[in-house]
Amino acid sequence: MTRQAGEDYGRLVGGDRRHLWHPFTQEKTAPDPVPIVSGRGIELTDAAGNTYLDMISSWWVNLHGHGHPHIAEAIARQAARLEQVIFAGFTHPPAVELATALARLLPGDLDRVFFSDDGSTAVEVALKMAVQFHLNQGRPRTRFLAFEGGYHGDTVGAMSAGRSSGFFGAFDTMMFRVDTLPFPHTWQGDHEVERKEAAALAALDTYLERFGGDTAAMILEPLVQGAGGMRMCRPAFVHRLVGRLQEAGVLVIFDEVMTGFGRTGSLFACRSCDVTPDIICLSKGLTGGFLPLSVTVARETIYQAFYADDFDKALIHGHSYTANPIGCAAALASLELTESAETTARLAAIAGWHGEFMEAARSWPGALRTRVTGTIAALDLGTGGAGYLAAAGPCLKAFFMERGFLIRPLGNVVYLMPPYCVTREQLARAYEAVGEGIARCRGV
């Protein structure tokens, strides 16, 4: 490290420590943050010139690699043309084009697009839509249903839906009640999966008999519970679950904030499950990791319940940057890349590489419950505690950084979710580091 680089590094860390407050961080005990100054493809570079392979897509948002020129150029063109306009009473080409593209790609009549800023807010909008949908028809329903361990964001409604994730104890008095069902998470070699699925569906049937007429909606992360530990379930289970809910008149909200845009192998997890939810929430990968943007997309039948002469029946919700033109332009460019034949081939390749490497990982001492869905792979470290606060987590994270990998364990859960530009050689190196990290930290 040159003297200048060292000074730059120290200045950035010092300024951060003086003024910044980081998410999901205990600032008193956390190590110094790493100042990243550039990114290209799967590589991030810090102020001292060190490089890190981003194996978690920078919190699951970066689909195609950092600094992708196709998206960067689309942003520059749009910024020079129109950077922002109020979206109440106005519209603009990028918003219309993006909504049209999403309606074309989503199943069924999911074609009414409401824009907001991030995943938590997209979920908040969906919950409000569900309550008001029933109210507008003169049949109020106020109960909500979710899966145990689900996580849906950090705003009050999203926290309520994800209360059982264990992240929000300080805010119990702020949250409203949401009922939960057991989640039949599974893994390679799980011989109990059919029993767990049957028990979950039986619990749902019992719930619907008692409360189906009072329940506005069920919200779930289809196929993969993200922050809850990359817990996975089977598409056929989700298909049966959705059928029961919709037959009972309970709206189905799919939180595809993480699973959307190819993460589970197909473009959206709902397509893998062969269902059309009533409402779907999308964010994270929507702009390819370039800008904050989210959408809550509803079926036409939901929209029609709000379409009236009475303003009180409108969805009275909005944000200053709703449908920001630059964000929409980034999303359109990212969708073009996602729909390309090259990306389709890469999704299949990554899933295959994960399967190959995870099969080998099953023999590692301390590696439990190996599992893969599309471009997402995960395993549990069998020692060093369990849960988000497991002691093994910080040990693993520090080890990976030393080895030049951005891999951020969820407690004792190690997962890989790389950008789609990852190569087999890069992924192999990451798996090698995971194996070494488990050997290093499983006794912590």
Protein backbone atom coordinates (compact mmCIF):
# COMPACT_ATOMS: atom_id res chain seq x y z
CA MET A 1 0.00 0.00 0.00
CA THR A 2 1.40 3.40 -0.95
CA ARG A 3 1.48 6.20 1.58
CA GLN A 4 -1.23 8.10 -0.33
CA ALA A 5 -3.42 5.03 -0.48
CA GLY A 6 -2.96 4.51 3.23
CA GLU A 7 -3.93 8.10 3.95
CA ASP A 8 -7.00 7.86 1.73
CA TYR A 9 -8.04 4.62 3.40
CA GLY A 10 -7.60 6.10 6.88
CA ARG A 11 -9.42 9.31 5.98
CA LEU A 12 -12.45 7.41 4.69
CA VAL A 13 -12.61 5.08 7.67
CA GLY A 14 -12.17 8.00 10.08
CA GLY A 15 -14.91 10.02 8.41
CA ASP A 16 -17.20 7.03 8.45
CA ARG A 17 -16.59 6.39 12.13
CA ARG A 18 -17.30 10.04 12.91
CA HIS A 19 -20.53 10.47 11.01
CA LEU A 20 -22.13 7.29 9.66
CA TRP A 21 -24.59 4.80 11.15
CA HIS A 22 -24.63 1.45 9.35
CA PRO A 23 -27.52 -1.03 8.92
CA PHE A 24 -27.65 -4.27 10.92
CA THR A 25 -24.49 -3.20 12.77
CA GLN A 26 -23.53 -2.79 16.42
CA GLU A 27 -21.21 0.16 15.83
CA LYS A 28 -19.38 -0.21 19.14
CA THR A 29 -18.14 -3.75 18.49
CA ALA A 30 -18.04 -3.90 14.68
CA PRO A 31 -14.68 -3.86 12.89
CA ASP A 32 -13.82 -0.83 10.78
CA PRO A 33 -15.84 -0.67 7.55
CA VAL A 34 -13.96 -1.36 4.32
CA PRO A 35 -13.97 1.72 2.01
CA ILE A 36 -14.88 0.48 -1.49
CA VAL A 37 -13.99 2.92 -4.25
CA SER A 38 -14.80 1.00 -7.44
CA GLY A 39 -16.44 -2.11 -8.84
CA ARG A 40 -16.26 -3.95 -12.13
CA GLY A 41 -17.90 -7.26 -12.91
CA ILE A 42 -17.70 -9.42 -9.82
CA GLU A 43 -14.76 -7.48 -8.32
CA LEU A 44 -14.87 -4.69 -5.74
CA THR A 45 -11.75 -2.62 -5.00
CA ASP A 46 -11.05 -0.78 -1.76
CA ALA A 47 -9.12 2.45 -1.19
CA ALA A 48 -5.91 0.52 -0.56
CA GLY A 49 -6.17 -1.38 -3.84
CA ASN A 50 -7.33 -4.69 -2.36
CA THR A 51 -9.92 -6.60 -4.38
CA TYR A 52 -12.84 -8.74 -3.21
CA LEU A 53 -15.04 -11.11 -5.19
CA ASP A 54 -18.67 -10.17 -4.49
CA MET A 55 -20.35 -13.53 -3.89
CA ILE A 56 -23.59 -12.10 -2.45
CA SER A 57 -24.36 -9.52 -5.15
CA SER A 58 -23.98 -6.72 -2.59
CA TRP A 59 -27.02 -7.71 -0.55
CA TRP A 60 -28.68 -9.50 -3.46
CA VAL A 61 -29.19 -6.48 -5.72
CA ASN A 62 -26.43 -6.75 -8.33
CA LEU A 63 -27.55 -9.08 -11.11
CA HIS A 64 -25.14 -8.54 -13.98
CA GLY A 65 -21.95 -7.37 -12.29
CA HIS A 66 -20.76 -4.01 -11.01
CA GLY A 67 -20.49 -1.13 -13.44
CA HIS A 68 -22.22 -2.88 -16.33
CA PRO A 69 -21.89 -0.45 -19.25
CA HIS A 70 -25.33 -1.20 -20.74
CA ILE A 71 -27.10 -0.02 -17.58
CA ALA A 72 -24.66 2.84 -16.90
CA GLU A 73 -25.19 4.22 -20.40
CA ALA A 74 -28.98 3.99 -20.09
CA ILE A 75 -28.81 5.97 -16.84
CA ALA A 76 -26.63 8.66 -18.42
CA ARG A 77 -28.97 9.07 -21.40
CA GLN A 78 -32.05 9.36 -19.18
CA ALA A 79 -30.37 11.76 -16.72
CA ALA A 80 -29.62 14.14 -19.58
CA ARG A 81 -33.24 13.99 -20.76
CA LEU A 82 -35.44 13.90 -17.63
CA GLU A 83 -34.20 13.17 -14.13
CA GLN A 84 -37.45 13.46 -12.13
CA VAL A 85 -41.08 14.52 -12.39
CA ILE A 86 -43.95 14.25 -9.92
CA PHE A 87 -45.87 11.06 -10.68
CA ALA A 88 -49.25 12.24 -9.38
CA GLY A 89 -51.04 13.48 -12.50
CA PHE A 90 -47.99 12.94 -14.75
CA THR A 91 -46.29 10.02 -16.45
CA HIS A 92 -43.20 9.50 -18.60
CA PRO A 93 -41.85 7.00 -21.18
CA PRO A 94 -39.54 4.94 -18.91
CA ALA A 95 -42.35 4.26 -16.40
CA VAL A 96 -44.82 3.26 -19.13
CA GLU A 97 -42.26 1.06 -20.86
CA LEU A 98 -41.17 -0.63 -17.64
CA ALA A 99 -44.74 -1.31 -16.48
CA THR A 100 -45.57 -2.74 -19.90
CA ALA A 101 -42.48 -4.98 -19.83
CA LEU A 102 -43.24 -6.28 -16.34
CA ALA A 103 -46.86 -7.01 -17.23
CA ARG A 104 -45.62 -8.99 -20.24
CA LEU A 105 -43.19 -11.05 -18.14
CA LEU A 106 -45.37 -11.74 -15.10
CA PRO A 107 -48.00 -14.51 -15.25
CA GLY A 108 -51.74 -14.07 -15.61
CA ASP A 109 -53.26 -10.64 -15.16
CA LEU A 110 -50.52 -9.24 -12.93
CA ASP A 111 -50.46 -6.01 -14.90
CA ARG A 112 -51.22 -3.08 -12.57
CA VAL A 113 -47.90 -1.61 -11.44
CA PHE A 114 -47.51 0.66 -8.41
CA PHE A 115 -44.03 2.18 -8.01
CA SER A 116 -42.15 2.86 -4.79
CA ASP A 117 -38.59 2.93 -3.53
CA ASP A 118 -37.46 -0.30 -1.85
CA GLY A 119 -38.55 -3.79 -0.89
CA SER A 120 -39.94 -2.92 2.53
CA THR A 121 -42.10 -0.21 1.00
CA ALA A 122 -43.30 -2.51 -1.77
CA VAL A 123 -44.46 -4.91 0.95
CA GLU A 124 -46.10 -2.08 2.89
CA VAL A 125 -48.06 -1.11 -0.22
CA ALA A 126 -49.14 -4.72 -0.78
CA LEU A 127 -50.47 -5.05 2.78
CA LYS A 128 -52.43 -1.81 2.41
CA MET A 129 -53.79 -2.93 -0.96
CA ALA A 130 -55.01 -6.19 0.58
CA VAL A 131 -56.84 -4.53 3.47
CA GLN A 132 -58.45 -1.86 1.31
CA PHE A 133 -59.40 -4.35 -1.43
CA HIS A 134 -61.73 -6.13 0.98
CA LEU A 135 -62.90 -2.88 2.58
CA ASN A 136 -63.79 -1.31 -0.77
CA GLN A 137 -66.05 -4.27 -1.49
CA GLY A 138 -67.87 -3.90 1.82
CA ARG A 139 -66.36 -7.08 3.30
CA PRO A 140 -63.64 -5.93 5.73
CA ARG A 141 -60.90 -8.43 6.56
CA THR A 142 -58.08 -7.52 8.90
CA ARG A 143 -56.10 -10.67 9.70
CA PHE A 144 -52.82 -11.51 7.99
CA LEU A 145 -50.97 -14.78 7.65
CA ALA A 146 -47.27 -15.45 7.08
CA PHE A 147 -44.71 -18.22 7.46
CA GLU A 148 -42.61 -18.73 10.57
CA GLY A 149 -39.13 -17.35 9.96
CA GLY A 150 -40.21 -15.08 7.13
CA TYR A 151 -38.61 -11.66 6.73
CA HIS A 152 -40.27 -8.92 4.68
CA GLY A 153 -38.47 -5.67 5.54
CA ASP A 154 -38.09 -3.08 8.25
CA THR A 155 -41.07 -0.72 7.98
CA VAL A 156 -43.86 -1.28 10.51
CA GLY A 157 -46.15 -3.41 8.35
CA ALA A 158 -43.24 -5.38 6.92
CA MET A 159 -41.86 -5.93 10.43
CA SER A 160 -45.26 -7.18 11.54
CA ALA A 161 -45.33 -9.70 8.70
CA GLY A 162 -41.79 -10.79 9.62
CA ARG A 163 -42.11 -10.64 13.39
CA SER A 164 -41.20 -14.32 13.78
CA SER A 165 -37.83 -13.74 12.09
CA GLY A 166 -36.55 -12.53 15.47
CA PHE A 167 -35.12 -9.21 14.29
CA PHE A 168 -37.66 -6.82 15.77
CA GLY A 169 -38.02 -7.41 19.50
CA ALA A 170 -37.44 -3.72 20.31
CA PHE A 171 -40.51 -2.76 18.28
CA ASP A 172 -43.11 -5.25 19.53
CA THR A 173 -45.44 -2.50 20.72
CA MET A 174 -45.49 -0.91 17.25
CA MET A 175 -46.50 -3.99 15.31
CA PHE A 176 -49.91 -5.45 14.49
CA ARG A 177 -50.78 -9.11 14.79
CA VAL A 178 -49.83 -11.50 12.00
CA ASP A 179 -50.54 -15.22 12.37
CA THR A 180 -47.91 -17.73 11.27
CA LEU A 181 -47.76 -21.19 9.74
CA PRO A 182 -44.87 -23.68 9.92
CA PHE A 183 -42.50 -23.43 6.96
CA PRO A 184 -41.48 -26.84 5.53
CA HIS A 185 -37.88 -25.94 4.73
CA THR A 186 -35.89 -28.67 3.07
CA TRP A 187 -32.41 -29.56 1.83
CA GLN A 188 -30.47 -32.22 -0.04
CA GLY A 189 -31.16 -35.64 1.46
CA ASP A 190 -34.14 -34.49 3.53
CA HIS A 191 -36.33 -37.57 4.04
CA GLU A 192 -38.94 -35.72 6.10
CA VAL A 193 -39.99 -33.13 3.53
CA GLU A 194 -43.30 -34.73 2.58
CA ARG A 195 -44.30 -35.06 6.23
CA LYS A 196 -43.40 -31.40 6.89
CA GLU A 197 -45.34 -30.21 3.84
CA ALA A 198 -48.40 -32.22 4.85
CA ALA A 199 -48.25 -30.78 8.37
CA ALA A 200 -47.97 -27.22 7.03
CA LEU A 201 -50.96 -27.70 4.71
CA ALA A 202 -52.97 -29.30 7.50
CA ALA A 203 -52.22 -26.30 9.72
CA LEU A 204 -53.37 -24.02 6.89
CA ASP A 205 -56.62 -25.98 6.47
CA THR A 206 -57.34 -25.68 10.20
CA TYR A 207 -56.59 -21.97 10.14
CA LEU A 208 -58.82 -21.31 7.13
CA GLU A 209 -61.71 -23.17 8.74
CA ARG A 210 -61.54 -20.82 11.73
CA PHE A 211 -60.32 -17.54 10.28
CA GLY A 212 -60.48 -17.74 6.49
CA GLY A 213 -63.37 -15.28 6.29
CA ASP A 214 -61.44 -12.73 8.38
CA THR A 215 -58.06 -13.04 6.66
CA ALA A 216 -57.12 -10.38 4.14
CA ALA A 217 -53.99 -12.01 2.75
CA MET A 218 -51.06 -14.33 3.25
CA ILE A 219 -47.59 -12.99 2.46
CA LEU A 220 -44.70 -15.33 1.71
CA GLU A 221 -41.26 -15.50 0.16
CA PRO A 222 -41.76 -18.17 -2.52
CA LEU A 223 -39.17 -20.98 -2.62
CA VAL A 224 -36.50 -19.23 -0.52
CA GLN A 225 -36.73 -17.38 2.79
CA GLY A 226 -33.82 -14.96 2.49
CA ALA A 227 -32.81 -13.22 5.73
CA GLY A 228 -34.44 -16.04 7.70
CA GLY A 229 -31.53 -18.28 6.74
CA MET A 230 -31.88 -19.09 3.03
CA ARG A 231 -34.47 -21.72 3.96
CA MET A 232 -35.91 -23.39 0.88
CA CYS A 233 -39.13 -25.21 0.02
CA ARG A 234 -40.39 -27.08 -3.03
CA PRO A 235 -42.42 -25.52 -5.87
CA ALA A 236 -45.18 -28.15 -5.65
CA PHE A 237 -45.79 -27.22 -2.02
CA VAL A 238 -46.19 -23.53 -2.88
CA HIS A 239 -48.57 -24.47 -5.70
CA ARG A 240 -50.83 -26.42 -3.32
CA LEU A 241 -50.67 -23.67 -0.70
CA VAL A 242 -51.71 -20.94 -3.13
CA GLY A 243 -54.62 -23.03 -4.41
CA ARG A 244 -56.05 -23.42 -0.92
CA LEU A 245 -55.67 -19.73 -0.09
CA GLN A 246 -57.24 -18.41 -3.27
CA GLU A 247 -60.12 -20.90 -3.01
CA ALA A 248 -60.84 -19.43 0.44
CA GLY A 249 -60.81 -15.87 -0.91
CA VAL A 250 -57.56 -15.01 0.87
CA LEU A 251 -55.29 -12.84 -1.24
CA VAL A 252 -51.80 -14.20 -1.91
CA ILE A 253 -48.88 -11.76 -1.74
CA PHE A 254 -45.56 -13.00 -3.11
CA ASP A 255 -42.57 -11.17 -1.69
CA GLU A 256 -40.18 -11.67 -4.60
CA VAL A 257 -37.96 -8.78 -3.56
CA MET A 258 -35.03 -11.23 -3.45
CA THR A 259 -36.22 -14.12 -5.62
CA GLY A 260 -37.23 -12.07 -8.67
CA PHE A 261 -35.34 -11.64 -11.95
CA GLY A 262 -33.82 -15.09 -12.28
CA ARG A 263 -32.51 -15.81 -8.81
CA THR A 264 -34.45 -19.07 -8.47
CA GLY A 265 -33.69 -20.22 -12.02
CA SER A 266 -36.85 -18.99 -13.73
CA LEU A 267 -37.50 -15.28 -14.22
CA PHE A 268 -39.82 -15.22 -11.20
CA ALA A 269 -40.38 -17.85 -8.52
CA CYS A 270 -44.13 -17.74 -9.15
CA ARG A 271 -43.45 -19.17 -12.62
CA SER A 272 -41.48 -22.05 -11.09
CA CYS A 273 -44.47 -22.73 -8.84
CA ASP A 274 -46.96 -22.43 -11.75
CA VAL A 275 -49.17 -19.95 -9.86
CA THR A 276 -50.32 -16.37 -10.23
CA PRO A 277 -50.30 -14.55 -6.89
CA ASP A 278 -52.77 -11.72 -6.41
CA ILE A 279 -49.99 -9.24 -5.62
CA ILE A 280 -46.24 -9.46 -6.16
CA CYS A 281 -43.51 -7.27 -4.65
CA LEU A 282 -40.30 -6.70 -6.64
CA SER A 283 -37.17 -4.69 -5.87
CA LYS A 284 -33.44 -5.47 -5.27
CA GLY A 285 -32.44 -6.79 -8.72
CA LEU A 286 -35.03 -4.65 -10.51
CA THR A 287 -32.43 -2.06 -11.56
CA GLY A 288 -29.53 -4.50 -11.68
CA GLY A 289 -28.13 -3.01 -8.47
CA PHE A 290 -27.74 0.55 -9.78
CA LEU A 291 -30.58 2.53 -8.16
CA PRO A 292 -33.29 2.07 -5.51
CA LEU A 293 -36.63 1.21 -7.09
CA SER A 294 -39.48 -1.17 -6.34
CA VAL A 295 -42.89 -2.13 -7.65
CA THR A 296 -45.99 -3.71 -6.20
CA VAL A 297 -47.86 -5.38 -9.05
CA ALA A 298 -51.52 -6.34 -8.61
CA ARG A 299 -53.95 -8.39 -10.63
CA GLU A 300 -56.59 -6.53 -12.59
CA THR A 301 -59.31 -7.71 -10.18
CA ILE A 302 -57.48 -5.98 -7.31
CA TYR A 303 -57.13 -2.75 -9.29
CA GLN A 304 -60.83 -2.70 -10.21
CA ALA A 305 -61.82 -2.67 -6.53
CA PHE A 306 -60.12 0.75 -6.25
CA TYR A 307 -61.48 2.12 -9.55
CA ALA A 308 -64.43 4.28 -8.48
CA ASP A 309 -65.91 7.78 -8.43
CA ASP A 310 -65.28 8.02 -4.68
CA PHE A 311 -61.77 9.29 -3.86
CA ASP A 312 -61.88 7.42 -0.54
CA LYS A 313 -61.67 4.18 -2.53
CA ALA A 314 -58.38 5.23 -4.17
CA LEU A 315 -55.08 3.89 -2.89
CA ILE A 316 -53.90 6.96 -1.03
CA HIS A 317 -50.20 6.25 -0.92
CA GLY A 318 -47.15 7.71 -2.63
CA HIS A 319 -43.50 8.76 -2.50
CA SER A 320 -41.56 11.78 -3.67
CA TYR A 321 -39.48 9.68 -6.07
CA THR A 322 -42.28 7.40 -7.27
CA ALA A 323 -41.35 5.96 -10.69
CA ASN A 324 -38.15 8.01 -10.87
CA PRO A 325 -37.28 8.16 -14.61
CA ILE A 326 -33.59 7.34 -14.10
CA GLY A 327 -34.44 4.33 -11.96
CA CYS A 328 -36.96 3.13 -14.54
CA ALA A 329 -34.37 3.51 -17.29
CA ALA A 330 -31.90 1.43 -15.28
CA ALA A 331 -34.57 -1.24 -14.76
CA LEU A 332 -35.38 -1.39 -18.48
CA ALA A 333 -31.70 -1.84 -19.32
CA SER A 334 -31.32 -4.53 -16.67
CA LEU A 335 -34.40 -6.37 -17.99
CA GLU A 336 -32.90 -6.37 -21.48
CA LEU A 337 -29.82 -8.11 -20.08
CA THR A 338 -31.89 -10.51 -17.96
CA GLU A 339 -33.99 -11.62 -20.92
CA SER A 340 -30.99 -12.22 -23.16
CA ALA A 341 -30.02 -15.72 -24.27
CA GLU A 342 -26.64 -15.20 -22.65
CA THR A 343 -28.14 -14.60 -19.22
CA THR A 344 -30.55 -17.52 -19.60
CA ALA A 345 -27.59 -19.79 -20.30
CA ARG A 346 -25.63 -18.36 -17.37
CA LEU A 347 -28.51 -18.97 -14.94
CA ALA A 348 -28.55 -22.63 -15.91
CA ALA A 349 -24.76 -22.85 -15.68
CA ILE A 350 -24.60 -21.29 -12.20
CA ALA A 351 -27.33 -23.63 -10.92
CA GLY A 352 -25.36 -26.58 -12.30
CA TRP A 353 -22.10 -25.42 -10.73
CA HIS A 354 -23.83 -24.92 -7.38
CA GLY A 355 -25.23 -28.44 -7.55
CA GLU A 356 -21.83 -29.89 -8.33
CA PHE A 357 -19.97 -28.00 -5.62
CA MET A 358 -22.68 -28.51 -2.99
CA GLU A 359 -22.64 -32.25 -3.60
CA ALA A 360 -18.96 -32.24 -2.67
CA ALA A 361 -19.68 -29.97 0.32
CA ARG A 362 -21.98 -32.60 1.84
CA SER A 363 -18.88 -34.51 2.92
CA TRP A 364 -17.29 -31.56 4.76
CA PRO A 365 -17.17 -31.97 8.56
CA GLY A 366 -19.56 -29.48 10.10
CA ALA A 367 -21.49 -28.75 6.88
CA LEU A 368 -25.19 -29.53 7.25
CA ARG A 369 -28.38 -29.13 5.20
CA THR A 370 -26.77 -28.24 1.88
CA ARG A 371 -29.33 -26.79 -0.50
CA VAL A 372 -29.61 -25.10 -3.90
CA THR A 373 -32.36 -23.20 -5.68
CA GLY A 374 -31.29 -21.67 -8.97
CA THR A 375 -28.38 -19.27 -8.41
CA ILE A 376 -28.73 -19.47 -4.60
CA ALA A 377 -26.78 -22.04 -2.57
CA ALA A 378 -26.58 -22.40 1.20
CA LEU A 379 -25.47 -24.68 4.00
CA ASP A 380 -25.56 -24.60 7.79
CA LEU A 381 -22.49 -24.76 9.98
CA GLY A 382 -23.32 -27.48 12.48
CA THR A 383 -21.25 -26.10 15.35
CA GLY A 384 -20.55 -22.64 16.71
CA GLY A 385 -24.17 -21.93 17.62
CA ALA A 386 -27.25 -21.37 15.49
CA GLY A 387 -29.26 -18.37 14.38
CA TYR A 388 -28.35 -14.89 13.19
CA LEU A 389 -26.22 -14.15 16.27
CA ALA A 390 -24.25 -17.42 16.16
CA ALA A 391 -20.61 -16.90 17.15
CA ALA A 392 -19.43 -18.58 13.97
CA GLY A 393 -20.87 -15.75 11.84
CA PRO A 394 -18.32 -13.01 12.63
CA CYS A 395 -15.48 -15.54 12.45
CA LEU A 396 -16.57 -16.67 8.98
CA LYS A 397 -17.13 -13.15 7.70
CA ALA A 398 -13.66 -12.01 8.82
CA PHE A 399 -12.05 -15.10 7.31
CA PHE A 400 -13.72 -14.55 3.95
CA MET A 401 -12.64 -10.91 3.85
CA GLU A 402 -9.05 -11.93 4.58
CA ARG A 403 -9.26 -14.31 1.63
CA GLY A 404 -10.68 -11.61 -0.66
CA PHE A 405 -14.36 -12.63 -0.73
CA LEU A 406 -17.49 -10.67 0.13
CA ILE A 407 -19.48 -13.49 1.72
CA ARG A 408 -21.73 -12.37 4.57
CA PRO A 409 -23.04 -15.35 6.59
CA LEU A 410 -26.46 -15.21 8.23
CA GLY A 411 -25.19 -16.39 11.59
CA ASN A 412 -24.30 -20.04 11.10
CA VAL A 413 -25.74 -20.07 7.55
CA VAL A 414 -23.23 -19.63 4.73
CA TYR A 415 -24.74 -18.77 1.36
CA LEU A 416 -23.55 -17.79 -2.10
CA MET A 417 -25.63 -15.65 -4.46
CA PRO A 418 -23.19 -14.22 -7.03
CA PRO A 419 -23.85 -11.85 -9.92
CA TYR A 420 -24.68 -13.66 -13.14
CA CYS A 421 -21.30 -12.79 -14.65
CA VAL A 422 -19.49 -15.11 -12.21
CA THR A 423 -17.23 -17.72 -13.81
CA ARG A 424 -16.91 -21.34 -12.80
CA GLU A 425 -13.34 -20.71 -11.67
CA GLN A 426 -14.42 -17.80 -9.41
CA LEU A 427 -17.22 -19.87 -7.92
CA ALA A 428 -14.85 -22.79 -7.34
CA ARG A 429 -12.50 -20.47 -5.46
CA ALA A 430 -15.39 -19.27 -3.32
CA TYR A 431 -16.39 -22.82 -2.43
CA GLU A 432 -12.80 -23.59 -1.54
CA ALA A 433 -12.82 -20.60 0.82
CA VAL A 434 -16.14 -21.73 2.33
CA GLY A 435 -14.70 -25.15 3.08
CA GLU A 436 -11.62 -23.62 4.69
CA GLY A 437 -13.76 -21.15 6.62
CA ILE A 438 -15.92 -23.92 8.04
CA ALA A 439 -12.80 -25.79 9.16
CA ARG A 440 -11.50 -22.60 10.78
CA CYS A 441 -14.69 -21.44 12.53
CA ARG A 442 -16.75 -24.52 13.38
CA GLY A 443 -15.13 -24.76 16.81
CA VAL A 444 -15.84 -21.14 17.74
